[in-house]
Amino acid sequence: MTENYLLMGLELMLLGMGFVISFLCVLVAAMFGMSAVVKYLNKLFPEKVEVVEKKSAKSQAGDDAVIAAVVAAVLARK
């Protein structure tokens, strides 16, 4: 009788693992399919790329002044 339960448990375990593996395979295939669709749509409808301007040297000097003021305030506080 114990052997019967052991075989039933083994059968149930293999069946459950089979369902999980098949679901994961379907999930991976769906992700590859969606990736291919998105790549195709990006070729048809490309997005515009915005150009980002760099900070000027004048702005950098202003940042240095702020940093110096903060350091001076911290040192004065000690």
PDB file of N, CA and C in Angstrom:
ATOM      1  N   MET A   1       0.821  -1.187   0.000  1.00  0.00           N
ATOM      2  CA  MET A   1       0.000   0.000   0.000  1.00  0.00           C
ATOM      3  C   MET A   1       0.869   1.256   0.000  1.00  0.00           C
ATOM      4  N   THR A   2       1.967   1.242   0.712  1.00  0.00           N
ATOM      5  CA  THR A   2       2.862   2.379   0.756  1.00  0.00           C
ATOM      6  C   THR A   2       3.497   2.613  -0.608  1.00  0.00           C
ATOM      7  N   GLU A   3       3.778   1.529  -1.312  1.00  0.00           N
ATOM      8  CA  GLU A   3       4.373   1.655  -2.645  1.00  0.00           C
ATOM      9  C   GLU A   3       3.423   2.375  -3.588  1.00  0.00           C
ATOM     10  N   ASN A   4       2.147   2.132  -3.451  1.00  0.00           N
ATOM     11  CA  ASN A   4       1.152   2.774  -4.306  1.00  0.00           C
ATOM     12  C   ASN A   4       1.150   4.287  -4.077  1.00  0.00           C
ATOM     13  N   TYR A   5       1.209   4.705  -2.814  1.00  0.00           N
ATOM     14  CA  TYR A   5       1.228   6.135  -2.503  1.00  0.00           C
ATOM     15  C   TYR A   5       2.515   6.783  -3.016  1.00  0.00           C
ATOM     16  N   LEU A   6       3.616   6.051  -2.905  1.00  0.00           N
ATOM     17  CA  LEU A   6       4.891   6.571  -3.376  1.00  0.00           C
ATOM     18  C   LEU A   6       4.863   6.777  -4.892  1.00  0.00           C
ATOM     19  N   LEU A   7       4.311   5.821  -5.611  1.00  0.00           N
ATOM     20  CA  LEU A   7       4.209   5.956  -7.067  1.00  0.00           C
ATOM     21  C   LEU A   7       3.241   7.072  -7.464  1.00  0.00           C
ATOM     22  N   MET A   8       2.155   7.202  -6.713  1.00  0.00           N
ATOM     23  CA  MET A   8       1.205   8.285  -7.006  1.00  0.00           C
ATOM     24  C   MET A   8       1.850   9.650  -6.746  1.00  0.00           C
ATOM     25  N   GLY A   9       2.621   9.753  -5.674  1.00  0.00           N
ATOM     26  CA  GLY A   9       3.313  11.006  -5.372  1.00  0.00           C
ATOM     27  C   GLY A   9       4.349  11.334  -6.423  1.00  0.00           C
ATOM     28  N   LEU A  10       5.084  10.332  -6.875  1.00  0.00           N
ATOM     29  CA  LEU A  10       6.083  10.538  -7.924  1.00  0.00           C
ATOM     30  C   LEU A  10       5.424  10.963  -9.228  1.00  0.00           C
ATOM     31  N   GLU A  11       4.310  10.337  -9.552  1.00  0.00           N
ATOM     32  CA  GLU A  11       3.579  10.695 -10.774  1.00  0.00           C
ATOM     33  C   GLU A  11       3.061  12.132 -10.699  1.00  0.00           C
ATOM     34  N   LEU A  12       2.527  12.518  -9.553  1.00  0.00           N
ATOM     35  CA  LEU A  12       2.017  13.872  -9.371  1.00  0.00           C
ATOM     36  C   LEU A  12       3.149  14.897  -9.447  1.00  0.00           C
ATOM     37  N   MET A  13       4.314  14.555  -8.859  1.00  0.00           N
ATOM     38  CA  MET A  13       5.457  15.461  -8.903  1.00  0.00           C
ATOM     39  C   MET A  13       5.937  15.663 -10.341  1.00  0.00           C
ATOM     40  N   LEU A  14       6.050  14.582 -11.092  1.00  0.00           N
ATOM     41  CA  LEU A  14       6.509  14.687 -12.482  1.00  0.00           C
ATOM     42  C   LEU A  14       5.500  15.450 -13.339  1.00  0.00           C
ATOM     43  N   LEU A  15       4.232  15.226 -13.089  1.00  0.00           N
ATOM     44  CA  LEU A  15       3.202  15.954 -13.828  1.00  0.00           C
ATOM     45  C   LEU A  15       3.267  17.451 -13.530  1.00  0.00           C
ATOM     46  N   GLY A  16       3.424  17.817 -12.273  1.00  0.00           N
ATOM     47  CA  GLY A  16       3.525  19.226 -11.889  1.00  0.00           C
ATOM     48  C   GLY A  16       4.768  19.882 -12.467  1.00  0.00           C
ATOM     49  N   MET A  17       5.887  19.177 -12.402  1.00  0.00           N
ATOM     50  CA  MET A  17       7.125  19.726 -12.962  1.00  0.00           C
ATOM     51  C   MET A  17       7.011  19.871 -14.471  1.00  0.00           C
ATOM     52  N   GLY A  18       6.330  18.960 -15.120  1.00  0.00           N
ATOM     53  CA  GLY A  18       6.119  19.051 -16.568  1.00  0.00           C
ATOM     54  C   GLY A  18       5.309  20.280 -16.935  1.00  0.00           C
ATOM     55  N   PHE A  19       4.250  20.553 -16.156  1.00  0.00           N
ATOM     56  CA  PHE A  19       3.445  21.746 -16.421  1.00  0.00           C
ATOM     57  C   PHE A  19       4.259  23.025 -16.214  1.00  0.00           C
ATOM     58  N   VAL A  20       5.072  23.065 -15.182  1.00  0.00           N
ATOM     59  CA  VAL A  20       5.882  24.252 -14.916  1.00  0.00           C
ATOM     60  C   VAL A  20       6.896  24.469 -16.032  1.00  0.00           C
ATOM     61  N   ILE A  21       7.583  23.412 -16.444  1.00  0.00           N
ATOM     62  CA  ILE A  21       8.577  23.535 -17.510  1.00  0.00           C
ATOM     63  C   ILE A  21       7.910  23.977 -18.809  1.00  0.00           C
ATOM     64  N   SER A  22       6.743  23.383 -19.133  1.00  0.00           N
ATOM     65  CA  SER A  22       6.078  23.802 -20.378  1.00  0.00           C
ATOM     66  C   SER A  22       5.618  25.250 -20.303  1.00  0.00           C
ATOM     67  N   PHE A  23       5.118  25.697 -19.154  1.00  0.00           N
ATOM     68  CA  PHE A  23       4.708  27.087 -19.013  1.00  0.00           C
ATOM     69  C   PHE A  23       5.904  28.018 -19.189  1.00  0.00           C
ATOM     70  N   LEU A  24       7.045  27.666 -18.590  1.00  0.00           N
ATOM     71  CA  LEU A  24       8.228  28.506 -18.718  1.00  0.00           C
ATOM     72  C   LEU A  24       8.717  28.560 -20.168  1.00  0.00           C
ATOM     73  N   CYS A  25       8.638  27.457 -20.884  1.00  0.00           N
ATOM     74  CA  CYS A  25       9.033  27.450 -22.299  1.00  0.00           C
ATOM     75  C   CYS A  25       8.113  28.341 -23.124  1.00  0.00           C
ATOM     76  N   VAL A  26       6.822  28.280 -22.858  1.00  0.00           N
ATOM     77  CA  VAL A  26       5.871  29.151 -23.563  1.00  0.00           C
ATOM     78  C   VAL A  26       6.151  30.609 -23.216  1.00  0.00           C
ATOM     79  N   LEU A  27       6.468  30.888 -21.970  1.00  0.00           N
ATOM     80  CA  LEU A  27       6.774  32.246 -21.540  1.00  0.00           C
ATOM     81  C   LEU A  27       8.012  32.788 -22.239  1.00  0.00           C
ATOM     82  N   VAL A  28       9.064  31.987 -22.341  1.00  0.00           N
ATOM     83  CA  VAL A  28      10.287  32.418 -23.012  1.00  0.00           C
ATOM     84  C   VAL A  28      10.019  32.646 -24.495  1.00  0.00           C
ATOM     85  N   ALA A  29       9.263  31.765 -25.123  1.00  0.00           N
ATOM     86  CA  ALA A  29       8.934  31.936 -26.538  1.00  0.00           C
ATOM     87  C   ALA A  29       8.115  33.210 -26.762  1.00  0.00           C
ATOM     88  N   ALA A  30       7.182  33.494 -25.866  1.00  0.00           N
ATOM     89  CA  ALA A  30       6.373  34.711 -25.992  1.00  0.00           C
ATOM     90  C   ALA A  30       7.251  35.957 -25.837  1.00  0.00           C
ATOM     91  N   MET A  31       8.216  35.910 -24.934  1.00  0.00           N
ATOM     92  CA  MET A  31       9.099  37.066 -24.749  1.00  0.00           C
ATOM     93  C   MET A  31       9.965  37.291 -25.980  1.00  0.00           C
ATOM     94  N   PHE A  32      10.478  36.222 -26.577  1.00  0.00           N
ATOM     95  CA  PHE A  32      11.269  36.379 -27.802  1.00  0.00           C
ATOM     96  C   PHE A  32      10.392  36.934 -28.930  1.00  0.00           C
ATOM     97  N   GLY A  33       9.154  36.460 -29.009  1.00  0.00           N
ATOM     98  CA  GLY A  33       8.236  36.958 -30.035  1.00  0.00           C
ATOM     99  C   GLY A  33       7.925  38.435 -29.854  1.00  0.00           C
ATOM    100  N   MET A  34       7.652  38.843 -28.626  1.00  0.00           N
ATOM    101  CA  MET A  34       7.364  40.254 -28.367  1.00  0.00           C
ATOM    102  C   MET A  34       8.581  41.126 -28.632  1.00  0.00           C
ATOM    103  N   SER A  35       9.765  40.616 -28.315  1.00  0.00           N
ATOM    104  CA  SER A  35      10.991  41.360 -28.591  1.00  0.00           C
ATOM    105  C   SER A  35      11.154  41.582 -30.093  1.00  0.00           C
ATOM    106  N   ALA A  36      10.871  40.565 -30.879  1.00  0.00           N
ATOM    107  CA  ALA A  36      10.971  40.699 -32.331  1.00  0.00           C
ATOM    108  C   ALA A  36       9.957  41.714 -32.861  1.00  0.00           C
ATOM    109  N   VAL A  37       8.754  41.714 -32.313  1.00  0.00           N
ATOM    110  CA  VAL A  37       7.728  42.669 -32.738  1.00  0.00           C
ATOM    111  C   VAL A  37       8.150  44.095 -32.400  1.00  0.00           C
ATOM    112  N   VAL A  38       8.696  44.301 -31.198  1.00  0.00           N
ATOM    113  CA  VAL A  38       9.121  45.636 -30.786  1.00  0.00           C
ATOM    114  C   VAL A  38      10.274  46.128 -31.661  1.00  0.00           C
ATOM    115  N   LYS A  39      11.230  45.255 -31.983  1.00  0.00           N
ATOM    116  CA  LYS A  39      12.337  45.644 -32.857  1.00  0.00           C
ATOM    117  C   LYS A  39      11.816  46.038 -34.241  1.00  0.00           C
ATOM    118  N   TYR A  40      10.851  45.296 -34.744  1.00  0.00           N
ATOM    119  CA  TYR A  40      10.263  45.619 -36.047  1.00  0.00           C
ATOM    120  C   TYR A  40       9.531  46.951 -35.996  1.00  0.00           C
ATOM    121  N   LEU A  41       8.782  47.190 -34.936  1.00  0.00           N
ATOM    122  CA  LEU A  41       8.051  48.451 -34.803  1.00  0.00           C
ATOM    123  C   LEU A  41       9.000  49.631 -34.627  1.00  0.00           C
ATOM    124  N   ASN A  42      10.142  49.422 -33.969  1.00  0.00           N
ATOM    125  CA  ASN A  42      11.126  50.496 -33.822  1.00  0.00           C
ATOM    126  C   ASN A  42      11.749  50.862 -35.159  1.00  0.00           C
ATOM    127  N   LYS A  43      11.845  49.909 -36.078  1.00  0.00           N
ATOM    128  CA  LYS A  43      12.339  50.226 -37.411  1.00  0.00           C
ATOM    129  C   LYS A  43      11.310  51.036 -38.190  1.00  0.00           C
ATOM    130  N   LEU A  44      10.030  50.715 -38.000  1.00  0.00           N
ATOM    131  CA  LEU A  44       8.965  51.443 -38.708  1.00  0.00           C
ATOM    132  C   LEU A  44       8.741  52.837 -38.132  1.00  0.00           C
ATOM    133  N   PHE A  45       8.754  52.947 -36.812  1.00  0.00           N
ATOM    134  CA  PHE A  45       8.470  54.213 -36.132  1.00  0.00           C
ATOM    135  C   PHE A  45       9.612  54.577 -35.194  1.00  0.00           C
ATOM    136  N   PRO A  46      10.738  55.078 -35.710  1.00  0.00           N
ATOM    137  CA  PRO A  46      11.865  55.407 -34.821  1.00  0.00           C
ATOM    138  C   PRO A  46      11.545  56.629 -33.958  1.00  0.00           C
ATOM    139  N   GLU A  47      12.109  56.659 -32.779  1.00  0.00           N
ATOM    140  CA  GLU A  47      11.917  57.793 -31.877  1.00  0.00           C
ATOM    141  C   GLU A  47      12.979  58.850 -32.148  1.00  0.00           C
ATOM    142  N   LYS A  48      12.608  60.108 -31.949  1.00  0.00           N
ATOM    143  CA  LYS A  48      13.573  61.192 -32.108  1.00  0.00           C
ATOM    144  C   LYS A  48      14.508  61.217 -30.906  1.00  0.00           C
ATOM    145  N   VAL A  49      15.784  61.437 -31.171  1.00  0.00           N
ATOM    146  CA  VAL A  49      16.778  61.500 -30.100  1.00  0.00           C
ATOM    147  C   VAL A  49      17.061  62.959 -29.804  1.00  0.00           C
ATOM    148  N   GLU A  50      16.878  63.342 -28.531  1.00  0.00           N
ATOM    149  CA  GLU A  50      17.122  64.729 -28.142  1.00  0.00           C
ATOM    150  C   GLU A  50      18.607  64.934 -27.867  1.00  0.00           C
ATOM    151  N   VAL A  51      19.115  66.075 -28.304  1.00  0.00           N
ATOM    152  CA  VAL A  51      20.519  66.404 -28.067  1.00  0.00           C
ATOM    153  C   VAL A  51      20.611  67.153 -26.747  1.00  0.00           C
ATOM    154  N   VAL A  52      21.452  66.682 -25.868  1.00  0.00           N
ATOM    155  CA  VAL A  52      21.628  67.305 -24.555  1.00  0.00           C
ATOM    156  C   VAL A  52      22.841  68.211 -24.616  1.00  0.00           C
ATOM    157  N   GLU A  53      22.628  69.471 -24.222  1.00  0.00           N
ATOM    158  CA  GLU A  53      23.733  70.428 -24.242  1.00  0.00           C
ATOM    159  C   GLU A  53      24.579  70.258 -22.986  1.00  0.00           C
ATOM    160  N   LYS A  54      25.880  70.418 -23.152  1.00  0.00           N
ATOM    161  CA  LYS A  54      26.789  70.327 -22.013  1.00  0.00           C
ATOM    162  C   LYS A  54      26.770  71.635 -21.233  1.00  0.00           C
ATOM    163  N   LYS A  55      27.123  71.553 -19.958  1.00  0.00           N
ATOM    164  CA  LYS A  55      27.200  72.758 -19.140  1.00  0.00           C
ATOM    165  C   LYS A  55      28.376  73.612 -19.600  1.00  0.00           C
ATOM    166  N   SER A  56      28.169  74.886 -19.556  1.00  0.00           N
ATOM    167  CA  SER A  56      29.249  75.787 -19.954  1.00  0.00           C
ATOM    168  C   SER A  56      30.237  75.951 -18.803  1.00  0.00           C
ATOM    169  N   ALA A  57      31.389  76.520 -19.101  1.00  0.00           N
ATOM    170  CA  ALA A  57      32.417  76.744 -18.086  1.00  0.00           C
ATOM    171  C   ALA A  57      31.935  77.755 -17.043  1.00  0.00           C
ATOM    172  N   LYS A  58      31.092  78.699 -17.462  1.00  0.00           N
ATOM    173  CA  LYS A  58      30.565  79.702 -16.535  1.00  0.00           C
ATOM    174  C   LYS A  58      29.709  79.015 -15.467  1.00  0.00           C
ATOM    175  N   SER A  59      28.916  78.048 -15.857  1.00  0.00           N
ATOM    176  CA  SER A  59      28.076  77.326 -14.914  1.00  0.00           C
ATOM    177  C   SER A  59      28.939  76.515 -13.954  1.00  0.00           C
ATOM    178  N   GLN A  60      30.006  75.941 -14.444  1.00  0.00           N
ATOM    179  CA  GLN A  60      30.916  75.165 -13.592  1.00  0.00           C
ATOM    180  C   GLN A  60      31.553  76.063 -12.529  1.00  0.00           C
ATOM    181  N   ALA A  61      31.922  77.285 -12.910  1.00  0.00           N
ATOM    182  CA  ALA A  61      32.523  78.197 -11.955  1.00  0.00           C
ATOM    183  C   ALA A  61      31.514  78.554 -10.868  1.00  0.00           C
ATOM    184  N   GLY A  62      30.258  78.705 -11.216  1.00  0.00           N
ATOM    185  CA  GLY A  62      29.219  78.988 -10.233  1.00  0.00           C
ATOM    186  C   GLY A  62      29.059  77.826  -9.266  1.00  0.00           C
ATOM    187  N   ASP A  63      29.139  76.606  -9.753  1.00  0.00           N
ATOM    188  CA  ASP A  63      29.050  75.433  -8.895  1.00  0.00           C
ATOM    189  C   ASP A  63      30.228  75.380  -7.935  1.00  0.00           C
ATOM    190  N   ASP A  64      31.407  75.765  -8.401  1.00  0.00           N
ATOM    191  CA  ASP A  64      32.587  75.777  -7.538  1.00  0.00           C
ATOM    192  C   ASP A  64      32.420  76.775  -6.407  1.00  0.00           C
ATOM    193  N   ALA A  65      31.811  77.915  -6.703  1.00  0.00           N
ATOM    194  CA  ALA A  65      31.592  78.926  -5.680  1.00  0.00           C
ATOM    195  C   ALA A  65      30.609  78.414  -4.624  1.00  0.00           C
ATOM    196  N   VAL A  66      29.601  77.721  -5.037  1.00  0.00           N
ATOM    197  CA  VAL A  66      28.624  77.170  -4.098  1.00  0.00           C
ATOM    198  C   VAL A  66      29.282  76.108  -3.228  1.00  0.00           C
ATOM    199  N   ILE A  67      30.098  75.270  -3.835  1.00  0.00           N
ATOM    200  CA  ILE A  67      30.794  74.229  -3.072  1.00  0.00           C
ATOM    201  C   ILE A  67      31.724  74.859  -2.042  1.00  0.00           C
ATOM    202  N   ALA A  68      32.438  75.905  -2.435  1.00  0.00           N
ATOM    203  CA  ALA A  68      33.349  76.584  -1.514  1.00  0.00           C
ATOM    204  C   ALA A  68      32.570  77.198  -0.358  1.00  0.00           C
ATOM    205  N   ALA A  69      31.412  77.774  -0.630  1.00  0.00           N
ATOM    206  CA  ALA A  69      30.603  78.377   0.425  1.00  0.00           C
ATOM    207  C   ALA A  69      30.098  77.314   1.394  1.00  0.00           C
ATOM    208  N   VAL A  70      29.709  76.168   0.885  1.00  0.00           N
ATOM    209  CA  VAL A  70      29.214  75.096   1.750  1.00  0.00           C
ATOM    210  C   VAL A  70      30.336  74.564   2.627  1.00  0.00           C
ATOM    211  N   VAL A  71      31.518  74.369   2.037  1.00  0.00           N
ATOM    212  CA  VAL A  71      32.661  73.890   2.818  1.00  0.00           C
ATOM    213  C   VAL A  71      33.025  74.902   3.895  1.00  0.00           C
ATOM    214  N   ALA A  72      33.014  76.187   3.570  1.00  0.00           N
ATOM    215  CA  ALA A  72      33.337  77.227   4.553  1.00  0.00           C
ATOM    216  C   ALA A  72      32.316  77.234   5.688  1.00  0.00           C
ATOM    217  N   ALA A  73      31.047  77.052   5.357  1.00  0.00           N
ATOM    218  CA  ALA A  73      30.009  77.045   6.385  1.00  0.00           C
ATOM    219  C   ALA A  73      30.163  75.840   7.307  1.00  0.00           C
ATOM    220  N   VAL A  74      30.512  74.697   6.743  1.00  0.00           N
ATOM    221  CA  VAL A  74      30.690  73.503   7.562  1.00  0.00           C
ATOM    222  C   VAL A  74      31.897  73.659   8.484  1.00  0.00           C
ATOM    223  N   LEU A  75      32.984  74.204   7.959  1.00  0.00           N
ATOM    224  CA  LEU A  75      34.179  74.402   8.774  1.00  0.00           C
ATOM    225  C   LEU A  75      33.950  75.449   9.853  1.00  0.00           C
ATOM    226  N   ALA A  76      33.150  76.477   9.558  1.00  0.00           N
ATOM    227  CA  ALA A  76      32.858  77.507  10.553  1.00  0.00           C
ATOM    228  C   ALA A  76      31.965  76.942  11.660  1.00  0.00           C
ATOM    229  N   ARG A  77      31.164  75.966  11.332  1.00  0.00           N
ATOM    230  CA  ARG A  77      30.239  75.373  12.296  1.00  0.00           C
ATOM    231  C   ARG A  77      30.978  74.513  13.321  1.00  0.00           C
ATOM    232  N   LYS A  78      32.129  73.951  12.936  1.00  0.00           N
ATOM    233  CA  LYS A  78      32.870  73.054  13.837  1.00  0.00           C
ATOM    234  C   LYS A  78      33.531  73.779  14.937  1.00  0.00           C
TER     235      LYS A  78
END
